[in-house]
Structures are given as C-alpha cells and as structure tokens.
N, C-alpha and C. Protein backbone atom coordinates (compact mmCIF):
# COMPACT_ATOMS: atom_id res chain seq x y z
N MET A 1 -52.47 24.37 -68.74
CA MET A 1 -51.71 24.41 -69.98
C MET A 1 -51.37 23.01 -70.47
N HIS A 2 -51.01 22.20 -69.68
CA HIS A 2 -50.63 20.77 -70.08
C HIS A 2 -51.82 20.02 -70.82
N THR A 3 -53.02 20.23 -70.24
CA THR A 3 -54.20 19.57 -70.77
C THR A 3 -54.58 19.94 -72.17
N THR A 4 -54.34 21.30 -72.39
CA THR A 4 -54.73 21.96 -73.65
C THR A 4 -53.67 21.28 -74.78
N ALA A 5 -52.42 21.12 -74.42
CA ALA A 5 -51.46 20.64 -75.30
C ALA A 5 -51.81 19.15 -75.60
N VAL A 6 -52.27 18.46 -74.77
CA VAL A 6 -52.60 17.01 -74.93
C VAL A 6 -53.82 16.90 -75.92
N VAL A 7 -54.81 17.78 -75.65
CA VAL A 7 -55.97 17.81 -76.62
C VAL A 7 -55.59 18.20 -77.98
N VAL A 8 -54.74 19.15 -78.16
CA VAL A 8 -54.30 19.65 -79.46
C VAL A 8 -53.53 18.46 -80.08
N VAL A 9 -52.69 17.77 -79.45
CA VAL A 9 -51.92 16.57 -79.95
C VAL A 9 -52.81 15.45 -80.39
N VAL A 10 -53.79 15.16 -79.56
CA VAL A 10 -54.78 14.15 -79.86
C VAL A 10 -55.60 14.50 -81.11
N LEU A 11 -56.14 15.72 -81.16
CA LEU A 11 -56.84 16.15 -82.36
C LEU A 11 -56.08 16.09 -83.63
N LEU A 12 -54.82 16.66 -83.58
CA LEU A 12 -53.96 16.62 -84.72
C LEU A 12 -53.69 15.20 -85.07
N SER A 13 -53.39 14.25 -84.25
CA SER A 13 -53.24 12.82 -84.53
C SER A 13 -54.43 12.23 -85.18
N VAL A 14 -55.62 12.58 -84.68
CA VAL A 14 -56.87 11.98 -85.35
C VAL A 14 -57.06 12.52 -86.80
N THR A 15 -56.83 13.85 -86.86
CA THR A 15 -56.89 14.46 -88.22
C THR A 15 -55.93 13.88 -89.23
N VAL A 16 -54.68 13.68 -88.80
CA VAL A 16 -53.65 13.20 -89.66
C VAL A 16 -53.98 11.66 -89.98
N GLY A 17 -54.33 11.01 -89.07
CA GLY A 17 -54.69 9.54 -89.14
C GLY A 17 -55.88 9.37 -90.15
N THR A 18 -56.79 10.22 -89.95
CA THR A 18 -58.06 10.16 -90.94
C THR A 18 -57.56 10.48 -92.30
N GLY A 19 -56.80 11.49 -92.54
CA GLY A 19 -56.33 11.91 -93.89
C GLY A 19 -55.44 10.81 -94.48
N ILE A 20 -54.57 10.18 -93.68
CA ILE A 20 -53.76 9.06 -94.20
C ILE A 20 -54.70 7.78 -94.58
N GLY A 21 -55.72 7.61 -93.77
CA GLY A 21 -56.60 6.51 -94.03
C GLY A 21 -57.32 6.75 -95.46
N VAL A 22 -57.83 7.93 -95.65
CA VAL A 22 -58.47 8.25 -96.79
C VAL A 22 -57.65 8.18 -98.09
N LEU A 23 -56.47 8.72 -98.03
CA LEU A 23 -55.57 8.56 -99.06
C LEU A 23 -55.10 7.11 -99.41
N THR A 24 -54.83 6.34 -98.30
CA THR A 24 -54.51 4.92 -98.52
C THR A 24 -55.67 4.22 -99.25
N THR A 25 -56.80 4.47 -98.78
CA THR A 25 -58.04 3.79 -99.42
C THR A 25 -58.04 4.16 -100.90
N LEU A 26 -57.89 5.44 -101.26
CA LEU A 26 -57.97 5.83 -102.58
C LEU A 26 -56.94 5.12 -103.41
N PHE A 27 -55.59 5.24 -102.92
CA PHE A 27 -54.54 4.60 -103.68
C PHE A 27 -54.67 3.07 -103.80
N TRP A 28 -55.19 2.46 -102.75
CA TRP A 28 -55.47 1.00 -102.78
C TRP A 28 -56.39 0.61 -103.89
N HIS A 29 -57.52 1.26 -103.86
CA HIS A 29 -58.51 0.98 -104.96
C HIS A 29 -58.03 1.27 -106.35
N ASN A 30 -57.28 2.34 -106.57
CA ASN A 30 -56.70 2.70 -107.92
C ASN A 30 -55.61 1.63 -108.25
N TRP A 31 -54.72 1.19 -107.33
CA TRP A 31 -53.73 0.20 -107.52
C TRP A 31 -54.44 -1.11 -107.90
N ARG A 32 -55.33 -1.54 -107.12
CA ARG A 32 -56.08 -2.78 -107.42
C ARG A 32 -56.72 -2.85 -108.78
N SER A 33 -57.47 -1.69 -109.09
CA SER A 33 -58.08 -1.56 -110.48
C SER A 33 -57.02 -1.66 -111.52
N LYS A 34 -55.93 -0.96 -111.41
CA LYS A 34 -54.86 -0.84 -112.38
C LYS A 34 -54.22 -2.19 -112.60
N ARG A 35 -54.02 -2.98 -111.49
CA ARG A 35 -53.51 -4.29 -111.56
C ARG A 35 -54.50 -5.30 -112.28
N PHE A 36 -55.78 -5.08 -111.93
CA PHE A 36 -56.75 -5.93 -112.60
C PHE A 36 -56.74 -5.67 -114.15
N ARG A 37 -56.81 -4.47 -114.52
CA ARG A 37 -56.81 -4.10 -115.97
C ARG A 37 -55.59 -4.52 -116.70
N SER A 38 -54.44 -4.24 -116.15
CA SER A 38 -53.10 -4.73 -116.65
C SER A 38 -53.09 -6.29 -116.82
N ALA A 39 -53.43 -6.97 -115.90
CA ALA A 39 -53.46 -8.44 -115.96
C ALA A 39 -54.34 -9.08 -117.00
N ASN A 40 -55.39 -8.27 -117.40
CA ASN A 40 -56.42 -8.74 -118.28
C ASN A 40 -56.42 -7.89 -119.59
N SER A 41 -55.44 -7.15 -119.74
CA SER A 41 -55.44 -6.31 -121.02
C SER A 41 -56.71 -5.49 -121.22
N VAL A 42 -57.24 -4.99 -120.15
CA VAL A 42 -58.50 -4.13 -120.34
C VAL A 42 -58.17 -2.68 -120.32
N PRO A 43 -58.59 -1.99 -121.39
CA PRO A 43 -58.33 -0.47 -121.41
C PRO A 43 -58.98 0.25 -120.22
N ASP A 44 -58.29 1.29 -119.93
CA ASP A 44 -58.97 2.30 -118.90
C ASP A 44 -60.14 2.98 -119.51
N ILE A 45 -61.27 2.97 -118.90
CA ILE A 45 -62.48 3.57 -119.36
C ILE A 45 -62.87 4.79 -118.69
N ILE A 46 -62.04 5.28 -117.78
CA ILE A 46 -62.49 6.57 -117.11
C ILE A 46 -62.52 7.58 -118.10
N GLY A 47 -63.59 8.49 -117.96
CA GLY A 47 -63.69 9.67 -118.83
C GLY A 47 -65.16 9.77 -119.39
N GLN A 48 -65.26 10.62 -120.38
CA GLN A 48 -66.74 10.80 -120.87
C GLN A 48 -66.86 10.09 -122.13
N TRP A 49 -68.24 9.55 -122.29
CA TRP A 49 -68.73 8.75 -123.33
C TRP A 49 -69.97 9.33 -123.81
N ARG A 50 -70.11 9.43 -125.19
CA ARG A 50 -71.44 9.91 -125.73
C ARG A 50 -72.22 8.59 -126.12
N CYS A 51 -73.37 8.48 -125.49
CA CYS A 51 -74.18 7.21 -125.69
C CYS A 51 -75.44 7.50 -126.39
N LYS A 52 -75.83 6.53 -127.36
CA LYS A 52 -77.08 6.55 -128.10
C LYS A 52 -77.94 5.41 -127.65
N TRP A 53 -79.11 5.61 -127.12
CA TRP A 53 -80.06 4.58 -126.68
C TRP A 53 -81.11 4.47 -127.62
N PHE A 54 -81.21 3.24 -128.23
CA PHE A 54 -82.41 2.98 -129.16
C PHE A 54 -83.40 2.13 -128.45
N ASP A 55 -84.62 2.20 -128.95
CA ASP A 55 -85.72 1.51 -128.30
C ASP A 55 -86.29 0.55 -129.35
N ASP A 56 -86.33 -0.67 -128.95
CA ASP A 56 -86.78 -1.76 -129.93
C ASP A 56 -88.18 -1.59 -130.35
N ALA A 57 -89.04 -0.91 -129.52
CA ALA A 57 -90.38 -0.54 -129.85
C ALA A 57 -90.52 0.58 -130.87
N LYS A 58 -89.46 1.23 -131.12
CA LYS A 58 -89.49 2.44 -132.11
C LYS A 58 -88.48 2.20 -133.30
N SER A 59 -88.59 3.15 -134.26
CA SER A 59 -87.66 3.15 -135.36
C SER A 59 -86.17 3.04 -134.95
N GLN A 60 -85.36 2.26 -135.52
CA GLN A 60 -84.03 2.15 -135.30
C GLN A 60 -83.12 3.19 -136.00
N ASP A 61 -83.83 4.03 -136.77
CA ASP A 61 -83.01 5.10 -137.57
C ASP A 61 -82.44 6.17 -136.57
N GLN A 62 -83.23 6.54 -135.65
CA GLN A 62 -82.81 7.58 -134.71
C GLN A 62 -82.84 7.04 -133.28
N PRO A 63 -81.88 7.46 -132.43
CA PRO A 63 -81.90 6.92 -131.13
C PRO A 63 -83.14 7.64 -130.39
N LYS A 64 -83.56 6.82 -129.28
CA LYS A 64 -84.65 7.30 -128.41
C LYS A 64 -84.09 8.59 -127.62
N VAL A 65 -82.90 8.41 -127.28
CA VAL A 65 -82.21 9.47 -126.45
C VAL A 65 -80.71 9.38 -126.55
N GLU A 66 -80.07 10.53 -126.47
CA GLU A 66 -78.59 10.55 -126.37
C GLU A 66 -78.22 11.27 -125.09
N ASP A 67 -77.17 10.71 -124.49
CA ASP A 67 -76.74 11.42 -123.33
C ASP A 67 -75.14 11.17 -123.07
N THR A 68 -74.57 11.77 -122.18
CA THR A 68 -73.17 11.62 -121.86
C THR A 68 -73.08 10.83 -120.56
N VAL A 69 -72.23 9.74 -120.58
CA VAL A 69 -71.95 9.09 -119.43
C VAL A 69 -70.40 9.38 -119.00
N GLU A 70 -70.38 9.85 -117.77
CA GLU A 70 -69.08 10.26 -117.23
C GLU A 70 -68.58 9.17 -116.25
N ILE A 71 -67.61 8.36 -116.65
CA ILE A 71 -67.16 7.40 -115.75
C ILE A 71 -66.16 8.17 -114.80
N LEU A 72 -66.43 8.07 -113.49
CA LEU A 72 -65.73 9.00 -112.65
C LEU A 72 -64.50 8.45 -112.01
N ARG A 73 -64.68 7.21 -111.44
CA ARG A 73 -63.56 6.60 -110.78
C ARG A 73 -63.79 5.15 -110.57
N TRP A 74 -62.72 4.39 -110.30
CA TRP A 74 -62.59 3.04 -109.95
C TRP A 74 -62.99 2.96 -108.51
N THR A 75 -63.75 1.92 -108.18
CA THR A 75 -64.05 1.64 -106.70
C THR A 75 -63.12 0.38 -106.32
N THR A 76 -63.00 -0.60 -107.08
CA THR A 76 -62.11 -1.69 -106.76
C THR A 76 -61.97 -2.53 -108.05
N GLU A 77 -61.04 -3.07 -108.34
CA GLU A 77 -60.72 -4.05 -109.39
C GLU A 77 -61.56 -3.45 -110.73
N GLY A 78 -62.46 -4.15 -111.17
CA GLY A 78 -63.19 -3.81 -112.33
C GLY A 78 -64.46 -3.01 -112.08
N GLN A 79 -64.66 -2.62 -110.88
CA GLN A 79 -65.96 -1.82 -110.50
C GLN A 79 -65.69 -0.30 -110.62
N PHE A 80 -66.74 0.41 -110.98
CA PHE A 80 -66.55 1.90 -111.02
C PHE A 80 -67.87 2.67 -110.82
N LEU A 81 -67.71 3.85 -110.58
CA LEU A 81 -68.90 4.75 -110.49
C LEU A 81 -68.97 5.71 -111.51
N ALA A 82 -70.18 5.97 -112.03
CA ALA A 82 -70.29 7.04 -113.11
C ALA A 82 -71.54 7.80 -112.95
N LEU A 83 -71.69 8.83 -113.80
CA LEU A 83 -72.80 9.86 -113.69
C LEU A 83 -73.27 10.05 -115.15
N GLY A 84 -74.61 9.86 -115.32
CA GLY A 84 -75.19 10.10 -116.64
C GLY A 84 -75.75 11.53 -116.66
N HIS A 85 -75.62 12.21 -117.78
CA HIS A 85 -76.07 13.47 -117.98
C HIS A 85 -77.03 13.60 -119.18
N GLN A 86 -78.27 13.88 -119.08
CA GLN A 86 -79.19 13.85 -120.16
C GLN A 86 -79.75 15.17 -120.23
N PRO A 87 -79.27 16.02 -121.21
CA PRO A 87 -79.73 17.42 -121.18
C PRO A 87 -81.08 17.62 -121.79
N GLN A 88 -81.61 16.65 -122.60
CA GLN A 88 -83.05 16.85 -123.13
C GLN A 88 -84.06 16.87 -122.13
N PHE A 89 -83.90 15.95 -121.19
CA PHE A 89 -84.92 15.86 -120.09
C PHE A 89 -84.27 16.50 -118.71
N GLN A 90 -83.08 17.15 -118.82
CA GLN A 90 -82.49 17.71 -117.73
C GLN A 90 -82.36 16.77 -116.40
N LEU A 91 -81.81 15.64 -116.82
CA LEU A 91 -81.56 14.54 -115.81
C LEU A 91 -80.08 14.33 -115.59
N SER A 92 -79.76 14.14 -114.31
CA SER A 92 -78.39 13.51 -113.98
C SER A 92 -78.72 12.34 -113.18
N TYR A 93 -78.10 11.25 -113.46
CA TYR A 93 -78.35 10.05 -112.71
C TYR A 93 -77.15 9.22 -112.31
N PRO A 94 -77.08 8.44 -111.33
CA PRO A 94 -76.00 7.66 -110.90
C PRO A 94 -75.97 6.36 -111.62
N ILE A 95 -74.78 5.84 -111.94
CA ILE A 95 -74.59 4.67 -112.58
C ILE A 95 -73.45 3.91 -111.77
N MET A 96 -73.76 2.64 -111.49
CA MET A 96 -72.67 1.74 -110.99
C MET A 96 -72.38 0.72 -112.10
N GLY A 97 -71.11 0.41 -112.26
CA GLY A 97 -70.80 -0.38 -113.35
C GLY A 97 -69.60 -1.38 -112.99
N GLU A 98 -69.36 -2.17 -113.90
CA GLU A 98 -68.23 -3.26 -113.79
C GLU A 98 -67.84 -3.68 -115.12
N ILE A 99 -66.47 -3.78 -115.20
CA ILE A 99 -65.90 -4.55 -116.53
C ILE A 99 -65.21 -5.72 -116.07
N ASP A 100 -65.45 -6.75 -116.89
CA ASP A 100 -64.71 -8.07 -116.60
C ASP A 100 -63.67 -8.25 -117.53
N PRO A 101 -62.78 -9.37 -117.25
CA PRO A 101 -61.69 -9.57 -118.04
C PRO A 101 -61.86 -9.75 -119.54
N SER A 102 -63.10 -10.13 -120.01
CA SER A 102 -63.40 -10.29 -121.33
C SER A 102 -63.88 -8.94 -122.00
N ARG A 103 -63.75 -7.86 -121.29
CA ARG A 103 -64.11 -6.50 -121.67
C ARG A 103 -65.67 -6.24 -121.79
N VAL A 104 -66.45 -7.06 -121.08
CA VAL A 104 -67.94 -6.94 -120.95
C VAL A 104 -68.17 -5.89 -119.87
N VAL A 105 -68.89 -4.90 -120.17
CA VAL A 105 -69.22 -3.85 -119.27
C VAL A 105 -70.72 -3.83 -118.90
N THR A 106 -71.00 -3.83 -117.56
CA THR A 106 -72.37 -3.96 -117.13
C THR A 106 -72.56 -2.63 -116.41
N LEU A 107 -73.78 -2.01 -116.62
CA LEU A 107 -74.17 -0.69 -115.93
C LEU A 107 -75.59 -0.96 -115.33
N ALA A 108 -75.76 -0.35 -114.20
CA ALA A 108 -77.01 -0.29 -113.57
C ALA A 108 -77.24 1.20 -113.31
N TYR A 109 -78.45 1.62 -113.69
CA TYR A 109 -78.73 3.08 -113.68
C TYR A 109 -80.14 3.32 -113.04
N LYS A 110 -80.30 4.52 -112.51
CA LYS A 110 -81.63 4.85 -111.95
C LYS A 110 -81.76 6.45 -112.15
N ALA A 111 -82.81 6.92 -112.73
CA ALA A 111 -82.96 8.26 -113.09
C ALA A 111 -83.01 9.09 -111.77
N ALA A 112 -82.39 10.27 -111.86
CA ALA A 112 -82.31 11.16 -110.62
C ALA A 112 -83.67 11.47 -109.98
N ARG A 113 -84.81 11.54 -110.79
CA ARG A 113 -86.13 11.81 -110.12
C ARG A 113 -86.90 10.46 -109.85
N TYR A 114 -86.18 9.48 -109.79
CA TYR A 114 -86.82 8.12 -109.37
C TYR A 114 -87.22 8.27 -107.97
N PRO A 115 -88.37 7.80 -107.55
CA PRO A 115 -89.31 6.97 -108.18
C PRO A 115 -90.52 7.77 -108.90
N PHE A 116 -90.36 9.04 -108.97
CA PHE A 116 -91.43 9.82 -109.73
C PHE A 116 -91.42 9.61 -111.13
N GLU A 117 -90.28 9.31 -111.71
CA GLU A 117 -90.13 8.89 -113.10
C GLU A 117 -89.48 7.56 -113.12
N PRO A 118 -90.06 6.53 -113.64
CA PRO A 118 -89.61 5.20 -113.46
C PRO A 118 -88.49 4.84 -114.33
N ASN A 119 -87.56 5.64 -114.82
CA ASN A 119 -86.45 5.33 -115.65
C ASN A 119 -85.38 4.67 -114.86
N ARG A 120 -85.30 3.28 -115.13
CA ARG A 120 -84.40 2.51 -114.26
C ARG A 120 -84.06 1.22 -115.08
N GLY A 121 -82.76 0.89 -115.15
CA GLY A 121 -82.45 -0.27 -115.88
C GLY A 121 -81.06 -0.71 -115.83
N VAL A 122 -80.73 -1.76 -116.75
CA VAL A 122 -79.38 -2.25 -116.75
C VAL A 122 -78.98 -2.14 -118.31
N ALA A 123 -77.71 -2.23 -118.42
CA ALA A 123 -77.11 -2.33 -119.82
C ALA A 123 -75.96 -3.24 -119.93
N CYS A 124 -75.75 -3.96 -120.80
CA CYS A 124 -74.52 -4.90 -121.00
C CYS A 124 -74.03 -4.57 -122.35
N LEU A 125 -72.71 -4.20 -122.21
CA LEU A 125 -72.03 -3.72 -123.51
C LEU A 125 -70.71 -4.41 -123.59
N GLU A 126 -70.15 -4.49 -124.77
CA GLU A 126 -68.77 -4.96 -125.03
C GLU A 126 -67.81 -3.87 -125.43
N LEU A 127 -66.81 -3.71 -124.77
CA LEU A 127 -65.89 -2.60 -125.01
C LEU A 127 -64.84 -3.10 -126.05
N SER A 128 -64.59 -2.34 -127.01
CA SER A 128 -63.79 -2.61 -128.06
C SER A 128 -62.23 -2.78 -127.63
N ARG A 129 -61.45 -3.43 -128.34
CA ARG A 129 -60.13 -3.71 -127.91
C ARG A 129 -59.36 -2.50 -127.83
N ASP A 130 -59.67 -1.39 -128.60
CA ASP A 130 -58.89 -0.19 -128.52
C ASP A 130 -59.48 0.82 -127.41
N GLY A 131 -60.54 0.39 -126.73
CA GLY A 131 -61.11 1.17 -125.62
C GLY A 131 -61.94 2.39 -126.10
N LYS A 132 -62.23 2.59 -127.38
CA LYS A 132 -62.83 3.72 -127.89
C LYS A 132 -64.47 3.62 -128.10
N THR A 133 -64.95 2.50 -128.14
CA THR A 133 -66.26 2.33 -128.36
C THR A 133 -66.86 1.08 -127.45
N MET A 134 -68.22 1.27 -127.11
CA MET A 134 -68.88 0.12 -126.43
C MET A 134 -70.20 -0.07 -127.15
N GLU A 135 -70.56 -1.23 -127.48
CA GLU A 135 -71.92 -1.57 -128.05
C GLU A 135 -72.60 -2.75 -127.28
N GLY A 136 -73.88 -2.59 -127.22
CA GLY A 136 -74.63 -3.63 -126.50
C GLY A 136 -76.09 -3.36 -126.40
N HIS A 137 -76.75 -3.82 -125.37
CA HIS A 137 -78.30 -3.56 -125.19
C HIS A 137 -78.58 -3.20 -123.85
N TRP A 138 -79.68 -2.42 -123.60
CA TRP A 138 -80.20 -2.01 -122.37
C TRP A 138 -81.56 -2.71 -122.14
N TYR A 139 -81.97 -2.79 -120.94
CA TYR A 139 -83.28 -3.34 -120.65
C TYR A 139 -83.73 -2.63 -119.30
N GLY A 140 -84.90 -2.18 -119.31
CA GLY A 140 -85.36 -1.46 -118.08
C GLY A 140 -86.76 -1.00 -118.24
N ARG A 141 -87.26 -0.12 -117.25
CA ARG A 141 -88.58 0.39 -117.30
C ARG A 141 -88.51 1.71 -118.09
N ARG A 142 -89.39 1.83 -118.99
CA ARG A 142 -89.58 3.10 -119.68
C ARG A 142 -90.35 4.12 -119.03
N SER A 143 -90.35 5.32 -119.52
CA SER A 143 -91.20 6.28 -118.82
C SER A 143 -92.64 5.93 -118.88
N SER A 144 -93.01 5.05 -119.84
CA SER A 144 -94.46 4.63 -119.91
C SER A 144 -94.75 3.61 -118.86
N THR A 145 -93.78 3.29 -117.99
CA THR A 145 -93.87 2.23 -116.99
C THR A 145 -93.82 0.81 -117.37
N GLN A 146 -93.67 0.60 -118.80
CA GLN A 146 -93.62 -0.74 -119.21
C GLN A 146 -92.12 -1.08 -119.37
N LEU A 147 -91.90 -2.44 -119.28
CA LEU A 147 -90.49 -2.92 -119.44
C LEU A 147 -90.27 -2.95 -120.87
N GLY A 148 -89.03 -2.65 -121.32
CA GLY A 148 -88.50 -2.76 -122.75
C GLY A 148 -87.05 -2.71 -122.76
N GLY A 149 -86.56 -2.48 -123.95
CA GLY A 149 -85.11 -2.40 -124.15
C GLY A 149 -84.72 -2.06 -125.51
N GLY A 150 -83.49 -2.20 -125.89
CA GLY A 150 -82.96 -1.72 -127.15
C GLY A 150 -81.44 -1.84 -127.23
N ARG A 151 -80.98 -1.41 -128.28
CA ARG A 151 -79.49 -1.25 -128.60
C ARG A 151 -78.99 0.02 -127.90
N VAL A 152 -77.76 -0.04 -127.56
CA VAL A 152 -77.03 1.14 -127.06
C VAL A 152 -75.70 1.05 -127.63
N SER A 153 -75.07 2.33 -128.01
CA SER A 153 -73.75 2.38 -128.57
C SER A 153 -73.09 3.61 -127.85
N CYS A 154 -71.96 3.50 -127.37
CA CYS A 154 -71.15 4.53 -126.83
C CYS A 154 -69.77 4.79 -127.38
N THR A 155 -69.42 6.03 -127.56
CA THR A 155 -68.24 6.43 -128.17
C THR A 155 -67.49 7.38 -127.11
N ARG A 156 -66.16 7.15 -126.98
CA ARG A 156 -65.38 7.91 -126.03
C ARG A 156 -65.23 9.36 -126.61
N LEU A 157 -65.44 10.36 -125.68
CA LEU A 157 -65.31 11.77 -126.13
C LEU A 157 -63.81 12.17 -126.01
C-alpha cells in the first residue's frame, strides 16, 4: 500500500510541475513581448489580417491573390507565429514573423503542400502607427518555379 501512495504522489508532482512549467513559459513569453512592445511603442498585431499580394510581372490593378493571415501568438519579444489561409487554392500555411522597434514586420512563409508546390518566400512590411495596416513587398518562388516578387498590403480585420 505504501508503494502505491508514493507512486501516486510522484506522478501528481510530475504532472503539476509540468503544468506549472508550461504556464510559466507562456506567461514569460507574453510578458517579454508586451514589455518589448511597450518600450518601443509598437502596437499589438495579434489577430486576423486581410492581405493582397500583387505580382510585379502582372497588372497592378488586381492582386495576384488575397488571403487571410492570422497572427496567433507571440513567441518572444517581437517574434510571433502566424497561419495563412488562402481559400482560392485551399491552402493553409505556416508563417514565422518578427516586428522590430521601428515597426518593420518580416514574414517567412512556406505553402502547406511544399515541396510539391514551390510557394515559398519572405515579405517585409511597415506597420502603420495606428496598427491597422501594413504595406511592403514580398519576394519568393512563384508557382511557375521562377523567383519574383511584388507589393503586398494588409488590413486588420
């Protein structure tokens, strides 16, 4: 009976310790990110953004593609994780990003069906002071497998 009680106590201790560790990590990253943003007057960009991607090789009247970028969470200071949703081609793709003190946002993305479809690239945008729009340029591999780029604009939903 005594051995069973010891095992239960050890298992409970491990479970509680793991839970505390996970919560501490989450709060730590959020706290560091909030401190970074407050110190540099950077707006919080967590949430959904409607993005229009234009291609320099095509007409600039209409975007090549429109999608929704959902910035999910801060990982540390100005770094974050996001997910892109492109309904026209039924794609969801991971995005890693970072915002610096001057409100420059960098994104690195890779299509969900990569390497079968070579949509992969980077974007560099400037976040407006009010935190409602981002404008910049993308560069990457097109579905034609050639490198290219163009303008991108995002608006907070």
